[in-house]
Amino acid sequence: MDFDLSGPEGEDWRVPVSELTDRRRRVSDALAEAGYESVMVEDPVELYWLTGGRQSGILVIGASGSDVETTHLVKKSLPRAIWESGGSDSPDPVIQQHRSADLEKGLRSIGVTRTPAMLDSTLPYSRKRYLSKCLSGFEDSKEDASKILHRLRETKSSWEIDQIRKSGHVNHEMFLAVAERCGNGVTELDVASVAEEVSRKRGFGGRIRMRRWPMDCDRAVVAAGRSGGVPSFFDSAIGGSGANPMAPLGSGHRRIEEGVPVLVDIVHVHRGYISDCTRMFSSGSLPEIWNERLNDMVEIRDSIVNNLGSGVTCSEAWELGRDLAIEMGHAEHLMGMKPHQAKFLGHSVGLELDESPVLANGFDRPMHEGCTMAIEPKVVYDDGAVGTEDTWAAGKDGLECLTSGKSFPLHVEW
C-alpha cells in the first residue's frame, strides 16, 4: 500500500532504514551485555526511534547471540507500520500482533523462552501487570531495560543531529517572526501565536515529548516583566503564568509594556527532534541592570560551553556555572528564586525535552560525542527574568551550536 505522507515540500520524512538497523543492532548488543534475552518495546518514543513510526503494537528485539528473531508486532495499523519502517526494506519482520490470549504463543514462535525485559520507567503499572498475566507461562522476570535504551539514545547519529540542526533553523525563523510582528501592547499569548504559526507551517505535529511524569510542556514560554517571577510546577527556571490554572505554564494574558524584559523560550520539533532556544526582547530599551544580568548569563554560558567542550563532566560544569553566578551576586536568583530554584543549567534534548545527561549535580560524566544539550543560564527576579539558551551538539572538536547562536541577537528591541 502506498501512503501519501510527506513533509511540507513533498520530502520523504521516514526515518532511513539504515538508522533503524543500526539502532536495533545497538540495542541487541546492549541486551546481550546485560544478560537479557529480549526486550518488549511499547513506549511511543522508543517505538518511533526503533521502528520509524508509533503505531499501536509491540517491538520485540532479541539480544545478540540469542535465538530471538526481532519482530514488530502491530495491532493498528499494520499497513502504515510496514510503510513507515521502510516497506520491503524494513530491517525485520512486521506482522499482525497476536490477540492477548495468544501473545505468549506468538513470542515463543519467534524464539522467546523467558519473559522479555520491559521499559518500567514509562510502562504503566496496570499495563505491566496485564502483560505479566498474558505471559504467565514464561519464567518470571523483573528485567527492566529502560536505562539501556535511554543511555543508547544519549548518543545521536549524524542524521539525528542534522534533524535537530534543521529544527534549530525553524526555531530561528520563529524568532525572526516574533521580532518583526510583535511589540508594545501585545500579549504573551499573541507572541506565542506568532511563533506557533511559523512552527506549524514548517511541520510541527503538536506534541513535545517528556520522559518525566507528569511534566507536560507548553512549547512557548513567553514571560513579560513580572510574569518571569511567577513560580510554577514545572522543573525549570521559568514557567510563566500560563493561560489559566489548568494550563499554568507558558504564555499568559499579560501585555508587553515599555522597558520591561520579555523572555521568549521556544521549542520546535522537526520529525520528532527537539530544538530549544531562548532570546530576550523589549519594547524600547531596558534599564541597564537587565543588560548587566544578561551579560552575566552570557559569560556563564561561555564558560560552560568551553569547559564541556574540553571534557569536564556535566556535574563539574554545573558547579563552575553555579560558582560563577554566586561570584556575580546571583546566588538567590539563579534558575529561579528561592525556594523555587531549579538545580540545573542545561538538559539534553532529542526525541524528548528532558533527556540525559543533565547539567546538574550527580551527572559525573562528560558530554560525550553525539550528546545534544540545551544550555540555559537564567536569573529570575520579582519583576522579571533574563537569560539565554541554545542547543548544542558535542563533537570531536568541542561543542557546535545547533540553534540561533550568534546569528540572532541575544536581545532585540521592538
Protein backbone atom coordinates (compact mmCIF):
# COMPACT_ATOMS: atom_id res chain seq x y z
CA MET A 1 0.00 0.00 0.00
CA ASP A 2 1.31 3.47 -0.87
CA PHE A 3 0.80 6.34 1.55
CA ASP A 4 0.68 9.96 0.51
CA LEU A 5 2.56 11.08 3.63
CA SER A 6 5.37 13.56 3.27
CA GLY A 7 6.95 16.72 4.59
CA PRO A 8 5.80 20.24 3.65
CA GLU A 9 7.80 20.26 0.40
CA GLY A 10 6.96 16.68 -0.53
CA GLU A 11 10.07 15.19 1.11
CA ASP A 12 10.07 11.61 2.34
CA TRP A 13 10.14 12.14 6.08
CA ARG A 14 10.53 8.49 7.03
CA VAL A 15 13.48 7.53 9.20
CA PRO A 16 16.18 5.95 6.98
CA VAL A 17 16.24 2.16 7.20
CA SER A 18 19.98 2.33 7.90
CA GLU A 19 19.20 4.28 11.08
CA LEU A 20 16.64 1.71 12.25
CA THR A 21 19.02 -1.16 11.51
CA ASP A 22 21.87 0.42 13.44
CA ARG A 23 19.69 1.29 16.44
CA ARG A 24 18.31 -2.23 16.71
CA ARG A 25 21.81 -3.66 16.49
CA ARG A 26 22.96 -1.41 19.30
CA VAL A 27 20.01 -2.48 21.46
CA SER A 28 20.70 -6.16 20.71
CA ASP A 29 24.33 -5.81 21.70
CA ALA A 30 23.44 -3.95 24.89
CA LEU A 31 20.86 -6.60 25.85
CA ALA A 32 23.44 -9.33 25.42
CA GLU A 33 25.94 -7.42 27.54
CA ALA A 34 23.31 -7.08 30.29
CA GLY A 35 22.43 -10.76 30.12
CA TYR A 36 18.88 -10.20 28.84
CA GLU A 37 17.34 -12.44 26.19
CA SER A 38 14.98 -9.85 24.67
CA VAL A 39 13.02 -6.66 25.28
CA MET A 40 9.41 -5.67 24.58
CA VAL A 41 9.03 -2.04 23.48
CA GLU A 42 5.65 -0.29 23.60
CA ASP A 43 6.58 3.26 24.58
CA PRO A 44 5.68 5.64 21.70
CA VAL A 45 9.03 7.47 21.75
CA GLU A 46 11.07 4.26 21.77
CA LEU A 47 8.84 2.77 19.08
CA TYR A 48 9.46 5.74 16.85
CA TRP A 49 13.20 5.55 17.47
CA LEU A 50 13.32 1.84 16.62
CA THR A 51 10.55 1.37 14.02
CA GLY A 52 10.25 4.78 12.32
CA GLY A 53 6.63 5.15 13.45
CA ARG A 54 4.48 4.90 16.52
CA GLN A 55 1.65 2.62 15.50
CA SER A 56 -0.07 0.64 18.24
CA GLY A 57 1.90 -2.53 18.88
CA ILE A 58 5.00 -4.14 20.34
CA LEU A 59 8.54 -4.38 19.03
CA VAL A 60 10.39 -7.42 20.34
CA ILE A 61 14.19 -7.17 19.99
CA GLY A 62 16.34 -10.21 20.61
CA ALA A 63 19.76 -9.97 22.22
CA SER A 64 22.79 -10.59 20.05
CA GLY A 65 23.58 -14.29 20.10
CA SER A 66 20.08 -15.26 21.21
CA ASP A 67 17.60 -17.26 19.13
CA VAL A 68 15.01 -14.49 19.32
CA GLU A 69 14.08 -13.03 15.93
CA THR A 70 13.50 -9.30 16.20
CA THR A 71 9.88 -8.74 15.16
CA HIS A 72 7.47 -5.79 15.05
CA LEU A 73 4.00 -6.93 16.19
CA VAL A 74 1.42 -4.35 15.11
CA LYS A 75 -2.09 -4.02 16.47
CA LYS A 76 -3.08 -0.98 14.40
CA SER A 77 -2.25 0.00 11.69
CA LEU A 78 -0.21 -2.78 10.10
CA PRO A 79 -0.04 -1.34 6.54
CA ARG A 80 1.16 2.00 7.82
CA ALA A 81 3.70 0.41 10.17
CA ILE A 82 5.15 -1.56 7.25
CA TRP A 83 5.44 1.58 5.15
CA GLU A 84 6.94 3.69 7.94
CA SER A 85 9.60 1.09 8.71
CA GLY A 86 10.79 1.01 5.11
CA GLY A 87 8.31 -1.25 3.33
CA SER A 88 10.04 -4.22 1.75
CA ASP A 89 13.36 -2.87 3.07
CA SER A 90 12.25 -3.00 6.71
CA PRO A 91 15.10 -4.40 8.86
CA ASP A 92 12.97 -7.15 10.42
CA PRO A 93 9.53 -8.76 10.03
CA VAL A 94 6.47 -6.55 10.59
CA ILE A 95 3.41 -8.69 11.30
CA GLN A 96 -0.05 -8.50 12.84
CA GLN A 97 0.03 -8.62 16.62
CA HIS A 98 -1.46 -11.72 18.19
CA ARG A 99 -4.54 -11.36 20.35
CA SER A 100 -3.71 -11.20 24.03
CA ALA A 101 -4.62 -14.83 24.71
CA ASP A 102 -2.09 -15.90 22.08
CA LEU A 103 0.68 -13.39 22.84
CA GLU A 104 2.85 -15.87 24.72
CA LYS A 105 2.50 -18.43 21.94
CA GLY A 106 3.40 -15.80 19.38
CA LEU A 107 6.52 -14.78 21.29
CA ARG A 108 7.60 -18.40 21.61
CA SER A 109 7.24 -18.75 17.82
CA ILE A 110 9.97 -16.10 17.32
CA GLY A 111 12.33 -17.72 19.81
CA VAL A 112 11.46 -16.10 23.15
CA THR A 113 11.99 -18.51 26.06
CA ARG A 114 11.59 -16.21 29.06
CA THR A 115 9.67 -13.08 29.88
CA PRO A 116 11.20 -10.22 27.89
CA ALA A 117 12.62 -7.19 29.66
CA MET A 118 10.25 -4.23 29.70
CA LEU A 119 10.60 -0.45 29.97
CA ASP A 120 9.43 0.02 33.54
CA SER A 121 10.14 3.76 33.71
CA THR A 122 7.42 4.54 31.15
CA LEU A 123 5.20 1.42 31.29
CA PRO A 124 2.10 1.96 33.45
CA TYR A 125 1.85 -0.48 36.34
CA SER A 126 -1.56 -1.73 35.18
CA ARG A 127 -0.18 -2.46 31.71
CA LYS A 128 2.82 -4.34 33.07
CA ARG A 129 0.57 -6.38 35.34
CA TYR A 130 -1.64 -7.25 32.37
CA LEU A 131 1.31 -8.26 30.20
CA SER A 132 2.74 -10.37 33.02
CA LYS A 133 -0.60 -12.16 33.22
CA CYS A 134 -0.59 -12.78 29.45
CA LEU A 135 2.95 -14.16 29.67
CA SER A 136 2.50 -16.17 32.88
CA GLY A 137 3.77 -19.34 31.19
CA PHE A 138 7.28 -17.90 30.98
CA GLU A 139 9.74 -17.97 33.81
CA ASP A 140 9.03 -14.86 35.88
CA SER A 141 11.33 -11.95 35.12
CA LYS A 142 11.69 -8.44 36.52
CA GLU A 143 14.23 -7.24 33.97
CA ASP A 144 13.99 -3.52 33.21
CA ALA A 145 15.67 -2.24 30.03
CA SER A 146 14.73 1.43 30.49
CA LYS A 147 18.23 2.61 31.34
CA ILE A 148 19.70 0.59 28.48
CA LEU A 149 17.57 2.35 25.86
CA HIS A 150 17.81 5.76 27.46
CA ARG A 151 21.61 5.56 27.55
CA LEU A 152 21.75 4.44 23.93
CA ARG A 153 19.60 7.38 22.85
CA GLU A 154 22.01 9.80 24.54
CA THR A 155 24.37 9.33 21.60
CA LYS A 156 22.82 10.79 18.47
CA SER A 157 23.88 9.76 15.00
CA SER A 158 24.94 12.37 12.46
CA TRP A 159 21.48 12.00 10.88
CA GLU A 160 19.77 12.74 14.20
CA ILE A 161 21.98 15.75 14.86
CA ASP A 162 21.09 17.04 11.42
CA GLN A 163 17.38 16.82 12.31
CA ILE A 164 18.00 18.91 15.44
CA ARG A 165 20.02 21.37 13.34
CA LYS A 166 17.07 21.69 10.91
CA SER A 167 14.77 22.11 13.89
CA GLY A 168 17.05 24.91 15.04
CA HIS A 169 16.69 26.63 11.67
CA VAL A 170 12.91 26.74 12.13
CA ASN A 171 13.40 27.93 15.69
CA HIS A 172 15.43 30.82 14.23
CA GLU A 173 12.58 31.66 11.82
CA MET A 174 10.20 31.75 14.78
CA PHE A 175 12.35 34.39 16.49
CA LEU A 176 12.53 36.44 13.29
CA ALA A 177 8.73 36.47 13.13
CA VAL A 178 8.46 37.50 16.78
CA ALA A 179 10.96 40.32 16.19
CA GLU A 180 9.05 41.56 13.14
CA ARG A 181 5.43 41.18 14.22
CA CYS A 182 5.31 41.76 17.99
CA GLY A 183 5.91 44.69 20.29
CA ASN A 184 4.40 47.07 22.82
CA GLY A 185 0.84 46.24 23.87
CA VAL A 186 0.57 42.70 22.54
CA THR A 187 0.00 39.84 24.98
CA GLU A 188 2.34 36.97 25.76
CA LEU A 189 -0.14 34.66 24.04
CA ASP A 190 0.00 36.90 20.95
CA VAL A 191 3.77 36.39 20.85
CA ALA A 192 3.34 32.63 21.28
CA SER A 193 0.81 32.50 18.44
CA VAL A 194 3.23 34.24 16.05
CA ALA A 195 5.93 31.67 16.83
CA GLU A 196 3.39 28.86 16.66
CA GLU A 197 2.22 29.83 13.18
CA VAL A 198 5.75 29.57 11.79
CA SER A 199 6.38 26.26 13.52
CA ARG A 200 3.11 24.67 12.42
CA LYS A 201 3.66 25.63 8.79
CA ARG A 202 7.09 24.03 8.93
CA GLY A 203 5.76 20.70 10.17
CA PHE A 204 5.38 20.81 13.96
CA GLY A 205 3.00 18.00 14.90
CA GLY A 206 1.65 19.43 18.14
CA ARG A 207 3.45 17.26 20.71
CA ILE A 208 6.52 17.88 22.85
CA ARG A 209 7.52 14.63 24.49
CA MET A 210 8.82 14.47 28.04
CA ARG A 211 10.07 11.46 29.97
CA ARG A 212 9.32 12.65 33.47
CA TRP A 213 5.74 12.28 34.70
CA PRO A 214 3.57 14.39 34.76
CA MET A 215 5.62 17.22 33.30
CA ASP A 216 3.55 18.05 30.25
CA CYS A 217 5.04 21.00 28.45
CA ASP A 218 3.99 24.12 26.58
CA ARG A 219 6.14 24.82 23.54
CA ALA A 220 6.36 28.60 24.05
CA VAL A 221 7.14 30.23 27.41
CA VAL A 222 6.76 33.98 26.97
CA ALA A 223 7.32 35.89 30.21
CA ALA A 224 6.87 39.67 30.10
CA GLY A 225 8.03 41.61 33.13
CA ARG A 226 6.57 40.24 36.36
CA SER A 227 5.42 37.03 34.63
CA GLY A 228 9.06 35.95 34.73
CA GLY A 229 8.92 35.78 38.53
CA VAL A 230 5.77 33.66 38.75
CA PRO A 231 6.59 30.18 40.15
CA SER A 232 5.08 27.06 38.62
CA PHE A 233 5.05 23.26 38.92
CA PHE A 234 7.46 22.96 36.01
CA ASP A 235 11.02 21.94 36.90
CA SER A 236 12.69 24.83 35.13
CA ALA A 237 13.90 28.34 35.84
CA ILE A 238 10.82 29.99 34.35
CA GLY A 239 7.33 28.62 33.93
CA GLY A 240 5.45 31.78 33.08
CA SER A 241 1.91 32.49 34.23
CA GLY A 242 0.15 30.30 31.70
CA ALA A 243 -3.27 30.88 30.18
CA ASN A 244 -5.34 29.61 33.15
CA PRO A 245 -4.96 27.43 36.28
CA MET A 246 -5.41 24.24 34.23
CA ALA A 247 -2.70 25.46 31.84
CA PRO A 248 -0.34 27.11 34.36
CA LEU A 249 2.73 27.06 32.15
CA GLY A 250 3.90 29.08 29.19
CA SER A 251 2.31 32.28 27.97
CA GLY A 252 -0.45 34.28 29.59
CA HIS A 253 -2.54 37.39 29.12
CA ARG A 254 -0.06 39.99 30.37
CA ARG A 255 0.61 42.73 27.83
CA ILE A 256 4.09 43.89 26.93
CA GLU A 257 4.95 47.24 28.43
CA GLU A 258 7.71 49.70 27.66
CA GLY A 259 11.10 48.99 29.22
CA VAL A 260 10.43 45.56 30.75
CA PRO A 261 12.28 42.33 29.87
CA VAL A 262 10.37 39.85 27.72
CA LEU A 263 11.86 36.37 27.84
CA VAL A 264 10.87 34.14 24.90
CA ASP A 265 11.74 30.45 25.32
CA ILE A 266 10.51 28.45 22.34
CA VAL A 267 10.75 24.87 21.14
CA HIS A 268 10.39 23.42 17.66
CA VAL A 269 10.11 19.72 16.87
CA HIS A 270 11.33 18.57 13.46
CA ARG A 271 10.46 14.98 12.58
CA GLY A 272 10.37 14.24 16.30
CA TYR A 273 13.62 16.01 17.17
CA ILE A 274 13.62 18.95 19.57
CA SER A 275 15.49 22.25 19.47
CA ASP A 276 15.21 24.62 22.44
CA CYS A 277 16.24 28.28 22.37
CA THR A 278 15.70 31.46 24.41
CA ARG A 279 16.11 35.11 23.47
CA MET A 280 15.28 38.43 25.15
CA PHE A 281 13.05 41.17 23.75
CA SER A 282 11.80 44.53 24.99
CA SER A 283 9.66 47.43 23.85
CA GLY A 284 12.28 50.16 23.79
CA SER A 285 15.46 49.96 25.81
CA LEU A 286 15.90 48.09 29.09
CA PRO A 287 17.24 49.53 32.33
CA GLU A 288 20.99 48.91 32.49
CA ILE A 289 20.64 46.40 35.33
CA TRP A 290 18.89 43.95 32.99
CA ASN A 291 21.62 44.30 30.37
CA GLU A 292 24.22 43.58 33.05
CA ARG A 293 22.34 40.48 34.18
CA LEU A 294 22.07 39.24 30.60
CA ASN A 295 25.79 39.78 30.04
CA ASP A 296 26.46 37.76 33.19
CA MET A 297 24.39 34.87 31.85
CA VAL A 298 26.30 35.00 28.56
CA GLU A 299 29.58 34.81 30.48
CA ILE A 300 28.31 31.78 32.40
CA ARG A 301 27.15 30.15 29.18
CA ASP A 302 30.51 30.68 27.50
CA SER A 303 32.32 29.20 30.50
CA ILE A 304 30.07 26.13 30.48
CA VAL A 305 30.39 25.58 26.74
CA ASN A 306 34.17 25.90 26.82
CA ASN A 307 34.54 23.53 29.76
CA LEU A 308 32.16 20.93 28.40
CA GLY A 309 33.97 21.11 25.08
CA SER A 310 37.27 20.38 26.83
CA GLY A 311 35.91 17.26 28.50
CA VAL A 312 34.84 18.19 32.03
CA THR A 313 31.89 16.28 33.47
CA CYS A 314 28.38 17.69 33.47
CA SER A 315 28.39 17.95 37.27
CA GLU A 316 31.71 19.84 37.18
CA ALA A 317 30.35 22.24 34.54
CA TRP A 318 27.27 22.80 36.71
CA GLU A 319 29.46 23.64 39.71
CA LEU A 320 31.58 26.02 37.63
CA GLY A 321 28.49 27.83 36.35
CA ARG A 322 26.86 27.97 39.78
CA ASP A 323 30.03 29.26 41.45
CA LEU A 324 30.43 31.94 38.80
CA ALA A 325 26.81 33.03 39.36
CA ILE A 326 27.48 33.24 43.10
CA GLU A 327 30.54 35.43 42.48
CA MET A 328 28.36 37.70 40.33
CA GLY A 329 25.80 38.04 43.12
CA HIS A 330 23.06 35.86 41.65
CA ALA A 331 23.04 33.08 44.26
CA GLU A 332 19.43 33.79 45.28
CA HIS A 333 18.19 34.14 41.70
CA LEU A 334 19.98 31.60 39.52
CA MET A 335 17.41 29.43 37.68
CA GLY A 336 14.60 30.80 39.83
CA MET A 337 14.06 32.41 43.21
CA LYS A 338 14.22 30.52 46.48
CA PRO A 339 12.56 28.18 47.31
CA HIS A 340 11.70 27.54 43.67
CA GLN A 341 15.18 27.35 42.11
CA ALA A 342 15.84 24.64 39.52
CA LYS A 343 19.07 22.76 40.23
CA PHE A 344 20.45 22.56 36.71
CA LEU A 345 21.86 24.78 33.97
CA GLY A 346 21.11 22.59 30.96
CA HIS A 347 19.26 19.48 29.83
CA SER A 348 19.84 17.06 26.99
CA VAL A 349 17.31 17.02 24.16
CA GLY A 350 16.44 14.63 21.38
CA LEU A 351 13.08 12.95 20.91
CA GLU A 352 12.26 14.16 24.43
CA LEU A 353 12.82 17.52 26.09
CA ASP A 354 14.26 16.09 29.29
CA GLU A 355 16.84 13.54 28.20
CA SER A 356 20.12 12.80 29.95
CA PRO A 357 22.78 13.74 30.86
CA VAL A 358 21.74 16.89 32.69
CA LEU A 359 23.96 19.83 33.55
CA ALA A 360 23.49 19.20 37.25
CA ASN A 361 24.98 17.63 40.33
CA GLY A 362 25.26 13.84 40.11
CA PHE A 363 25.92 13.56 36.38
CA ASP A 364 29.57 12.68 36.74
CA ARG A 365 30.26 12.03 33.08
CA PRO A 366 31.24 14.29 30.22
CA MET A 367 29.05 15.45 27.39
CA HIS A 368 30.44 12.79 25.08
CA GLU A 369 30.44 12.95 21.28
CA GLY A 370 26.89 12.72 19.98
CA CYS A 371 25.22 14.29 23.03
CA THR A 372 22.85 17.18 22.32
CA MET A 373 22.09 19.61 25.13
CA ALA A 374 20.19 22.86 25.68
CA ILE A 375 22.35 25.11 27.88
CA GLU A 376 20.25 27.80 29.57
CA PRO A 377 21.63 30.00 32.38
CA LYS A 378 18.89 32.35 33.59
CA VAL A 379 18.21 34.61 36.57
CA VAL A 380 14.79 35.37 37.98
CA TYR A 381 13.61 38.38 39.99
CA ASP A 382 10.19 39.55 41.19
CA ASP A 383 9.91 41.99 38.32
CA GLY A 384 11.20 39.78 35.52
CA ALA A 385 13.66 37.24 34.23
CA VAL A 386 16.57 37.26 31.83
CA GLY A 387 18.79 34.63 30.23
CA THR A 388 19.90 32.87 27.12
CA GLU A 389 19.61 29.37 25.69
CA ASP A 390 20.84 27.45 22.68
CA THR A 391 21.02 23.77 21.79
CA TRP A 392 24.49 22.29 21.32
CA ALA A 393 25.98 19.07 19.98
CA ALA A 394 29.23 17.59 21.27
CA GLY A 395 31.73 16.64 18.56
CA LYS A 396 35.39 15.76 18.28
CA ASP A 397 36.42 19.43 18.34
CA GLY A 398 34.11 20.72 21.06
CA LEU A 399 30.51 21.91 21.02
CA GLU A 400 28.59 23.02 17.92
CA CYS A 401 25.60 25.34 18.26
CA LEU A 402 22.55 23.87 16.50
CA THR A 403 20.18 26.78 17.07
CA SER A 404 20.39 30.55 16.55
CA GLY A 405 23.75 31.11 18.26
CA LYS A 406 25.39 34.32 17.09
CA SER A 407 23.06 34.62 14.07
CA PHE A 408 20.26 36.08 16.20
CA PRO A 409 20.81 38.84 18.80
CA LEU A 410 20.61 37.97 22.48
CA HIS A 411 18.32 40.98 22.94
CA VAL A 412 16.03 42.63 20.40
CA GLU A 413 14.30 45.99 20.90
CA TRP A 414 10.92 46.49 19.26
